[in-house]
Amino acid sequence: MSSRNIFSAFLGSRKYTVRHRDCDGQVHFETRQDCAPIVEFVKARRDAPVDRAWTHLAEVPMAVVGQWMRDGGLDDEAHVRRWINDPANRAFRVYEGRV
């Protein structure tokens, strides 16, 4: 399966790419985001004093939020909880407990 980039640009920390796949003739949109600044912010936030009135659970990259919006997961609280509790996404969790 071959594909070619039609458009690719960085907008802020996110890279947007539009691809055309030859096998199915469809156009696919791809979003990538440099998450290193988010991970560093989360590390610093974990060490901050805990506020009893408000708990900072996680920082979700905008590329992930965009995917949730397309897939309908943004309005599904269980879906968001699963993502936050997934060990693969630990780098984005400020709160160490389960949500």
N, C-alpha and C. Protein backbone atom coordinates (compact mmCIF):
# COMPACT_ATOMS: atom_id res chain seq x y z
N MET A 1 0.86 -1.16 0.00
CA MET A 1 0.00 0.00 0.00
C MET A 1 0.90 1.23 0.00
N SER A 2 0.76 2.06 -0.98
CA SER A 2 1.55 3.29 -1.01
C SER A 2 0.66 4.48 -0.70
N SER A 3 1.28 5.49 -0.13
CA SER A 3 0.55 6.71 0.16
C SER A 3 1.48 7.89 -0.09
N ARG A 4 0.89 9.03 -0.30
CA ARG A 4 1.70 10.23 -0.50
C ARG A 4 1.10 11.37 0.28
N ASN A 5 1.97 12.24 0.76
CA ASN A 5 1.51 13.42 1.49
C ASN A 5 0.94 14.43 0.51
N ILE A 6 -0.22 14.93 0.82
CA ILE A 6 -0.81 16.02 0.05
C ILE A 6 -0.46 17.34 0.73
N PHE A 7 -0.47 17.34 2.06
CA PHE A 7 -0.22 18.55 2.83
C PHE A 7 0.37 18.14 4.17
N SER A 8 1.35 18.89 4.64
CA SER A 8 1.92 18.64 5.95
C SER A 8 2.40 19.98 6.51
N ALA A 9 2.00 20.30 7.72
CA ALA A 9 2.40 21.57 8.33
C ALA A 9 2.40 21.47 9.84
N PHE A 10 3.29 22.23 10.45
CA PHE A 10 3.31 22.35 11.90
C PHE A 10 2.50 23.58 12.28
N LEU A 11 1.58 23.40 13.20
CA LEU A 11 0.81 24.51 13.75
C LEU A 11 0.97 24.42 15.25
N GLY A 12 1.80 25.27 15.80
CA GLY A 12 2.13 25.17 17.22
C GLY A 12 2.94 23.91 17.46
N SER A 13 2.54 23.13 18.44
CA SER A 13 3.26 21.89 18.75
C SER A 13 2.70 20.69 18.00
N ARG A 14 1.70 20.92 17.16
CA ARG A 14 1.07 19.80 16.46
C ARG A 14 1.45 19.80 14.98
N LYS A 15 1.65 18.61 14.45
CA LYS A 15 1.92 18.46 13.03
C LYS A 15 0.69 17.82 12.39
N TYR A 16 0.17 18.48 11.38
CA TYR A 16 -1.00 17.99 10.66
C TYR A 16 -0.54 17.48 9.30
N THR A 17 -0.98 16.30 8.93
CA THR A 17 -0.63 15.72 7.64
C THR A 17 -1.89 15.18 6.99
N VAL A 18 -2.03 15.46 5.71
CA VAL A 18 -3.12 14.90 4.92
C VAL A 18 -2.46 13.95 3.93
N ARG A 19 -2.90 12.70 3.92
CA ARG A 19 -2.33 11.67 3.05
C ARG A 19 -3.38 11.13 2.10
N HIS A 20 -2.92 10.72 0.94
CA HIS A 20 -3.78 10.02 -0.02
C HIS A 20 -3.23 8.62 -0.17
N ARG A 21 -4.07 7.62 0.08
CA ARG A 21 -3.65 6.22 -0.06
C ARG A 21 -4.09 5.71 -1.41
N ASP A 22 -3.15 5.14 -2.13
CA ASP A 22 -3.45 4.63 -3.47
C ASP A 22 -4.32 3.39 -3.46
N CYS A 23 -4.20 2.56 -2.44
CA CYS A 23 -4.92 1.28 -2.44
C CYS A 23 -6.44 1.45 -2.34
N ASP A 24 -6.88 2.43 -1.54
CA ASP A 24 -8.33 2.59 -1.38
C ASP A 24 -8.84 3.92 -1.92
N GLY A 25 -7.94 4.78 -2.38
CA GLY A 25 -8.34 6.05 -2.96
C GLY A 25 -8.88 7.06 -1.96
N GLN A 26 -8.75 6.77 -0.68
CA GLN A 26 -9.27 7.67 0.35
C GLN A 26 -8.21 8.65 0.81
N VAL A 27 -8.66 9.73 1.39
CA VAL A 27 -7.78 10.73 1.99
C VAL A 27 -7.84 10.53 3.50
N HIS A 28 -6.68 10.51 4.14
CA HIS A 28 -6.58 10.28 5.58
C HIS A 28 -5.90 11.48 6.23
N PHE A 29 -6.39 11.88 7.39
CA PHE A 29 -5.82 12.99 8.15
C PHE A 29 -5.05 12.43 9.33
N GLU A 30 -3.88 12.95 9.55
CA GLU A 30 -3.02 12.48 10.64
C GLU A 30 -2.59 13.69 11.46
N THR A 31 -2.68 13.57 12.77
CA THR A 31 -2.25 14.64 13.67
C THR A 31 -1.22 14.06 14.62
N ARG A 32 -0.08 14.72 14.71
CA ARG A 32 0.95 14.32 15.67
C ARG A 32 1.29 15.53 16.52
N GLN A 33 1.65 15.26 17.75
CA GLN A 33 1.94 16.36 18.67
C GLN A 33 3.19 16.02 19.47
N ASP A 34 4.06 16.99 19.65
CA ASP A 34 5.23 16.84 20.51
C ASP A 34 4.74 16.94 21.95
N CYS A 35 4.78 15.84 22.66
CA CYS A 35 4.21 15.80 24.02
C CYS A 35 5.26 15.99 25.11
N ALA A 36 6.51 16.21 24.74
CA ALA A 36 7.56 16.39 25.75
C ALA A 36 7.25 17.54 26.71
N PRO A 37 6.79 18.71 26.23
CA PRO A 37 6.47 19.78 27.18
C PRO A 37 5.33 19.41 28.13
N ILE A 38 4.37 18.63 27.66
CA ILE A 38 3.26 18.20 28.51
C ILE A 38 3.78 17.27 29.60
N VAL A 39 4.64 16.33 29.23
CA VAL A 39 5.19 15.37 30.19
C VAL A 39 6.00 16.10 31.25
N GLU A 40 6.80 17.09 30.85
CA GLU A 40 7.58 17.87 31.82
C GLU A 40 6.67 18.65 32.76
N PHE A 41 5.60 19.22 32.23
CA PHE A 41 4.64 19.94 33.07
C PHE A 41 4.01 19.00 34.09
N VAL A 42 3.64 17.80 33.64
CA VAL A 42 3.01 16.81 34.53
C VAL A 42 3.97 16.41 35.65
N LYS A 43 5.24 16.19 35.31
CA LYS A 43 6.22 15.83 36.34
C LYS A 43 6.32 16.92 37.40
N ALA A 44 6.36 18.17 36.97
CA ALA A 44 6.44 19.29 37.91
C ALA A 44 5.17 19.39 38.75
N ARG A 45 4.04 19.15 38.14
CA ARG A 45 2.75 19.25 38.82
C ARG A 45 2.58 18.14 39.86
N ARG A 46 3.14 16.96 39.58
CA ARG A 46 3.05 15.85 40.55
C ARG A 46 3.75 16.22 41.85
N ASP A 47 4.81 17.00 41.75
CA ASP A 47 5.59 17.37 42.94
C ASP A 47 5.01 18.58 43.67
N ALA A 48 4.02 19.23 43.08
CA ALA A 48 3.41 20.41 43.70
C ALA A 48 2.54 19.99 44.88
N PRO A 49 2.33 20.88 45.83
CA PRO A 49 1.44 20.56 46.96
C PRO A 49 0.03 20.23 46.47
N VAL A 50 -0.62 19.31 47.16
CA VAL A 50 -1.96 18.88 46.78
C VAL A 50 -2.98 19.89 47.27
N ASP A 51 -3.88 20.28 46.39
CA ASP A 51 -4.97 21.20 46.74
C ASP A 51 -6.18 20.34 47.09
N ARG A 52 -6.67 20.47 48.30
CA ARG A 52 -7.80 19.64 48.76
C ARG A 52 -9.11 19.99 48.08
N ALA A 53 -9.24 21.20 47.57
CA ALA A 53 -10.50 21.62 46.96
C ALA A 53 -10.62 21.16 45.50
N TRP A 54 -9.48 20.88 44.87
CA TRP A 54 -9.50 20.55 43.45
C TRP A 54 -8.37 19.58 43.14
N THR A 55 -8.63 18.51 42.42
CA THR A 55 -7.62 17.53 42.08
C THR A 55 -7.35 17.56 40.58
N HIS A 56 -6.10 17.82 40.22
CA HIS A 56 -5.67 17.81 38.83
C HIS A 56 -5.41 16.35 38.45
N LEU A 57 -6.23 15.78 37.58
CA LEU A 57 -6.11 14.36 37.25
C LEU A 57 -5.05 14.09 36.19
N ALA A 58 -5.13 14.82 35.07
CA ALA A 58 -4.23 14.52 33.96
C ALA A 58 -4.20 15.67 32.97
N GLU A 59 -3.21 15.63 32.11
CA GLU A 59 -3.11 16.54 30.97
C GLU A 59 -3.26 15.68 29.72
N VAL A 60 -4.28 15.93 28.94
CA VAL A 60 -4.55 15.14 27.74
C VAL A 60 -4.08 15.95 26.53
N PRO A 61 -3.18 15.38 25.71
CA PRO A 61 -2.72 16.09 24.51
C PRO A 61 -3.88 16.42 23.57
N MET A 62 -3.79 17.57 22.92
CA MET A 62 -4.85 18.00 22.00
C MET A 62 -5.03 17.02 20.84
N ALA A 63 -3.97 16.35 20.42
CA ALA A 63 -4.10 15.35 19.35
C ALA A 63 -5.04 14.23 19.79
N VAL A 64 -4.98 13.85 21.07
CA VAL A 64 -5.86 12.81 21.61
C VAL A 64 -7.29 13.34 21.72
N VAL A 65 -7.44 14.58 22.19
CA VAL A 65 -8.77 15.17 22.29
C VAL A 65 -9.42 15.25 20.91
N GLY A 66 -8.65 15.62 19.90
CA GLY A 66 -9.17 15.66 18.53
C GLY A 66 -9.66 14.30 18.07
N GLN A 67 -8.91 13.26 18.40
CA GLN A 67 -9.32 11.89 18.05
C GLN A 67 -10.62 11.53 18.77
N TRP A 68 -10.71 11.89 20.05
CA TRP A 68 -11.94 11.62 20.81
C TRP A 68 -13.12 12.33 20.18
N MET A 69 -12.91 13.56 19.72
CA MET A 69 -14.00 14.32 19.10
C MET A 69 -14.47 13.62 17.82
N ARG A 70 -13.54 13.12 17.04
CA ARG A 70 -13.91 12.42 15.80
C ARG A 70 -14.60 11.09 16.08
N ASP A 71 -14.13 10.38 17.13
CA ASP A 71 -14.66 9.04 17.43
C ASP A 71 -15.86 9.06 18.38
N GLY A 72 -16.20 10.20 18.93
CA GLY A 72 -17.32 10.28 19.86
C GLY A 72 -16.95 9.93 21.28
N GLY A 73 -15.67 9.80 21.59
CA GLY A 73 -15.25 9.43 22.94
C GLY A 73 -15.18 10.58 23.91
N LEU A 74 -15.21 11.81 23.42
CA LEU A 74 -15.08 12.97 24.29
C LEU A 74 -16.26 13.09 25.26
N ASP A 75 -17.43 12.71 24.82
CA ASP A 75 -18.62 12.79 25.68
C ASP A 75 -18.85 11.53 26.50
N ASP A 76 -17.98 10.55 26.36
CA ASP A 76 -18.11 9.28 27.06
C ASP A 76 -17.16 9.27 28.26
N GLU A 77 -17.70 9.53 29.45
CA GLU A 77 -16.88 9.64 30.65
C GLU A 77 -16.09 8.35 30.92
N ALA A 78 -16.69 7.20 30.66
CA ALA A 78 -16.00 5.92 30.88
C ALA A 78 -14.80 5.79 29.95
N HIS A 79 -14.95 6.26 28.72
CA HIS A 79 -13.84 6.21 27.75
C HIS A 79 -12.67 7.08 28.24
N VAL A 80 -12.97 8.28 28.71
CA VAL A 80 -11.94 9.19 29.20
C VAL A 80 -11.28 8.60 30.44
N ARG A 81 -12.05 8.02 31.33
CA ARG A 81 -11.48 7.38 32.53
C ARG A 81 -10.54 6.22 32.15
N ARG A 82 -10.98 5.42 31.19
CA ARG A 82 -10.12 4.30 30.75
C ARG A 82 -8.79 4.83 30.21
N TRP A 83 -8.83 5.90 29.44
CA TRP A 83 -7.60 6.47 28.87
C TRP A 83 -6.70 6.97 29.99
N ILE A 84 -7.27 7.69 30.95
CA ILE A 84 -6.46 8.24 32.04
C ILE A 84 -5.86 7.12 32.89
N ASN A 85 -6.62 6.05 33.15
CA ASN A 85 -6.15 4.95 33.99
C ASN A 85 -5.25 3.96 33.26
N ASP A 86 -5.18 4.03 31.94
CA ASP A 86 -4.35 3.11 31.16
C ASP A 86 -2.88 3.31 31.52
N PRO A 87 -2.18 2.25 31.93
CA PRO A 87 -0.76 2.39 32.29
C PRO A 87 0.10 2.97 31.17
N ALA A 88 -0.30 2.79 29.93
CA ALA A 88 0.46 3.33 28.80
C ALA A 88 0.42 4.86 28.79
N ASN A 89 -0.56 5.46 29.46
CA ASN A 89 -0.71 6.92 29.48
C ASN A 89 -0.29 7.53 30.82
N ARG A 90 0.46 6.79 31.61
CA ARG A 90 0.88 7.23 32.93
C ARG A 90 1.64 8.55 32.88
N ALA A 91 2.39 8.79 31.84
CA ALA A 91 3.19 10.02 31.73
C ALA A 91 2.32 11.27 31.73
N PHE A 92 1.04 11.12 31.42
CA PHE A 92 0.12 12.25 31.34
C PHE A 92 -0.73 12.41 32.60
N ARG A 93 -0.59 11.47 33.56
CA ARG A 93 -1.38 11.52 34.79
C ARG A 93 -0.68 12.34 35.86
N VAL A 94 -1.35 13.32 36.39
CA VAL A 94 -0.84 14.10 37.52
C VAL A 94 -1.20 13.37 38.81
N TYR A 95 -2.44 12.95 38.91
CA TYR A 95 -2.94 12.24 40.09
C TYR A 95 -2.49 10.79 40.02
N GLU A 96 -1.87 10.30 41.07
CA GLU A 96 -1.29 8.96 41.06
C GLU A 96 -2.32 7.86 41.28
N GLY A 97 -3.48 8.18 41.82
CA GLY A 97 -4.51 7.16 42.06
C GLY A 97 -5.31 6.86 40.81
N ARG A 98 -6.26 5.95 40.95
CA ARG A 98 -7.15 5.64 39.83
C ARG A 98 -8.32 6.60 39.82
N VAL A 99 -8.78 6.86 38.64
CA VAL A 99 -9.91 7.79 38.45
C VAL A 99 -11.18 6.99 38.34
